[in-house]
C-alpha atoms as a PDB file:
ATOM      1  CA  UNK A   1     211.341 270.598  29.193  1.00  0.00           C
ATOM      2  CA  UNK A   2     209.175 270.730  32.364  1.00  0.00           C
ATOM      3  CA  UNK A   3     211.583 270.184  35.051  1.00  0.00           C
ATOM      4  CA  UNK A   4     209.438 268.312  38.121  1.00  0.00           C
ATOM      5  CA  UNK A   5     210.874 268.924  41.510  1.00  0.00           C
ATOM      6  CA  UNK A   6     211.207 265.540  44.297  1.00  0.00           C
ATOM      7  CA  UNK A   7     207.517 265.968  45.609  1.00  0.00           C
ATOM      8  CA  UNK A   8     206.010 265.942  42.340  1.00  0.00           C
ATOM      9  CA  UNK A   9     207.571 262.722  41.596  1.00  0.00           C
ATOM     10  CA  UNK A  10     206.487 261.214  45.036  1.00  0.00           C
ATOM     11  CA  UNK A  11     203.225 262.002  44.210  1.00  0.00           C
ATOM     12  CA  UNK A  12     203.398 260.517  40.885  1.00  0.00           C
ATOM     13  CA  UNK A  13     204.959 257.194  41.885  1.00  0.00           C
ATOM     14  CA  UNK A  14     202.135 257.064  45.343  1.00  0.00           C
ATOM     15  CA  UNK A  15     199.114 258.219  42.745  1.00  0.00           C
ATOM     16  CA  UNK A  16     199.612 255.274  40.621  1.00  0.00           C
ATOM     17  CA  UNK A  17     199.041 252.679  42.974  1.00  0.00           C
ATOM     18  CA  UNK A  18     196.345 254.371  45.048  1.00  0.00           C
ATOM     19  CA  UNK A  19     194.706 254.835  41.352  1.00  0.00           C
ATOM     20  CA  UNK A  20     195.172 250.928  40.692  1.00  0.00           C
ATOM     21  CA  UNK A  21     193.340 250.027  44.121  1.00  0.00           C
ATOM     22  CA  UNK A  22     190.547 252.105  43.799  1.00  0.00           C
ATOM     23  CA  UNK A  23     189.847 250.913  40.036  1.00  0.00           C
ATOM     24  CA  UNK A  24     190.143 247.387  41.460  1.00  0.00           C
ATOM     25  CA  UNK A  25     187.693 248.148  44.451  1.00  0.00           C
ATOM     26  CA  UNK A  26     185.397 249.662  41.722  1.00  0.00           C
ATOM     27  CA  UNK A  27     185.825 246.306  39.543  1.00  0.00           C
ATOM     28  CA  UNK A  28     184.896 243.947  42.597  1.00  0.00           C
ATOM     29  CA  UNK A  29     182.010 245.837  43.683  1.00  0.00           C
ATOM     30  CA  UNK A  30     180.767 245.682  40.288  1.00  0.00           C
ATOM     31  CA  UNK A  31     181.537 242.035  39.683  1.00  0.00           C
ATOM     32  CA  UNK A  32     178.404 239.252  40.872  1.00  0.00           C
ATOM     33  CA  UNK A  33     178.484 235.813  41.184  1.00  0.00           C
ATOM     34  CA  UNK A  34     176.877 234.048  38.334  1.00  0.00           C
ATOM     35  CA  UNK A  35     173.926 232.351  38.575  1.00  0.00           C
ATOM     36  CA  UNK A  36     173.167 228.237  37.954  1.00  0.00           C
ATOM     37  CA  UNK A  37     172.286 228.893  34.003  1.00  0.00           C
ATOM     38  CA  UNK A  38     175.146 231.564  33.441  1.00  0.00           C
ATOM     39  CA  UNK A  39     177.646 228.881  35.285  1.00  0.00           C
ATOM     40  CA  UNK A  40     176.412 226.055  32.996  1.00  0.00           C
ATOM     41  CA  UNK A  41     176.848 227.749  30.163  1.00  0.00           C
ATOM     42  CA  UNK A  42     180.447 228.786  31.106  1.00  0.00           C
ATOM     43  CA  UNK A  43     181.087 224.905  31.723  1.00  0.00           C
ATOM     44  CA  UNK A  44     179.810 223.987  28.238  1.00  0.00           C
ATOM     45  CA  UNK A  45     181.924 226.867  26.852  1.00  0.00           C
ATOM     46  CA  UNK A  46     184.775 225.452  28.554  1.00  0.00           C
ATOM     47  CA  UNK A  47     184.160 221.802  27.680  1.00  0.00           C
ATOM     48  CA  UNK A  48     183.414 222.390  24.197  1.00  0.00           C
ATOM     49  CA  UNK A  49     186.694 224.183  23.789  1.00  0.00           C
ATOM     50  CA  UNK A  50     188.638 221.412  25.355  1.00  0.00           C
ATOM     51  CA  UNK A  51     186.849 219.137  22.854  1.00  0.00           C
ATOM     52  CA  UNK A  52     187.356 220.941  19.692  1.00  0.00           C
ATOM     53  CA  UNK A  53     191.323 221.444  20.811  1.00  0.00           C
ATOM     54  CA  UNK A  54     191.565 218.223  21.528  1.00  0.00           C
ATOM     55  CA  UNK A  55     190.153 217.100  18.224  1.00  0.00           C
ATOM     56  CA  UNK A  56     192.390 219.564  16.340  1.00  0.00           C
ATOM     57  CA  UNK A  57     195.546 217.831  18.171  1.00  0.00           C
ATOM     58  CA  UNK A  58     194.867 214.442  17.649  1.00  0.00           C
ATOM     59  CA  UNK A  59     194.083 214.943  13.948  1.00  0.00           C
ATOM     60  CA  UNK A  60     197.263 217.109  13.151  1.00  0.00           C
ATOM     61  CA  UNK A  61     199.014 214.422  15.180  1.00  0.00           C
ATOM     62  CA  UNK A  62     197.162 211.832  12.814  1.00  0.00           C
ATOM     63  CA  UNK A  63     198.185 213.665   9.535  1.00  0.00           C
ATOM     64  CA  UNK A  64     201.717 214.420  10.661  1.00  0.00           C
ATOM     65  CA  UNK A  65     202.834 210.925  11.826  1.00  0.00           C
ATOM     66  CA  UNK A  66     202.735 209.202   8.423  1.00  0.00           C
ATOM     67  CA  UNK A  67     203.955 212.444   6.538  1.00  0.00           C
ATOM     68  CA  UNK A  68     206.929 212.534   8.938  1.00  0.00           C
ATOM     69  CA  UNK A  69     207.850 208.474   8.152  1.00  0.00           C
ATOM     70  CA  UNK A  70     207.746 209.329   4.242  1.00  0.00           C
ATOM     71  CA  UNK A  71     210.236 211.835   4.686  1.00  0.00           C
ATOM     72  CA  UNK A  72     212.204 210.507   7.828  1.00  0.00           C
ATOM     73  CA  UNK A  73     211.811 206.971   5.817  1.00  0.00           C
ATOM     74  CA  UNK A  74     211.249 205.511   8.769  1.00  0.00           C
ATOM     75  CA  UNK A  75     214.572 205.463  10.355  1.00  0.00           C
END
């Protein structure tokens, strides 16, 4: 088993956040704001997702209410 000194352990603990900060800075430099066309596509996808999930939830509830009433007996 390789024993590390306290200084080596400290370097490992310090290097990890430095690497994270370096990677985060690189990512932020690479990111660009979407143009209007890209933004509208994103908005359209989000709206479609909300609509689909809403309809799925509505129809699931619509199907389960009568089944639950049959099982419980309207109590």
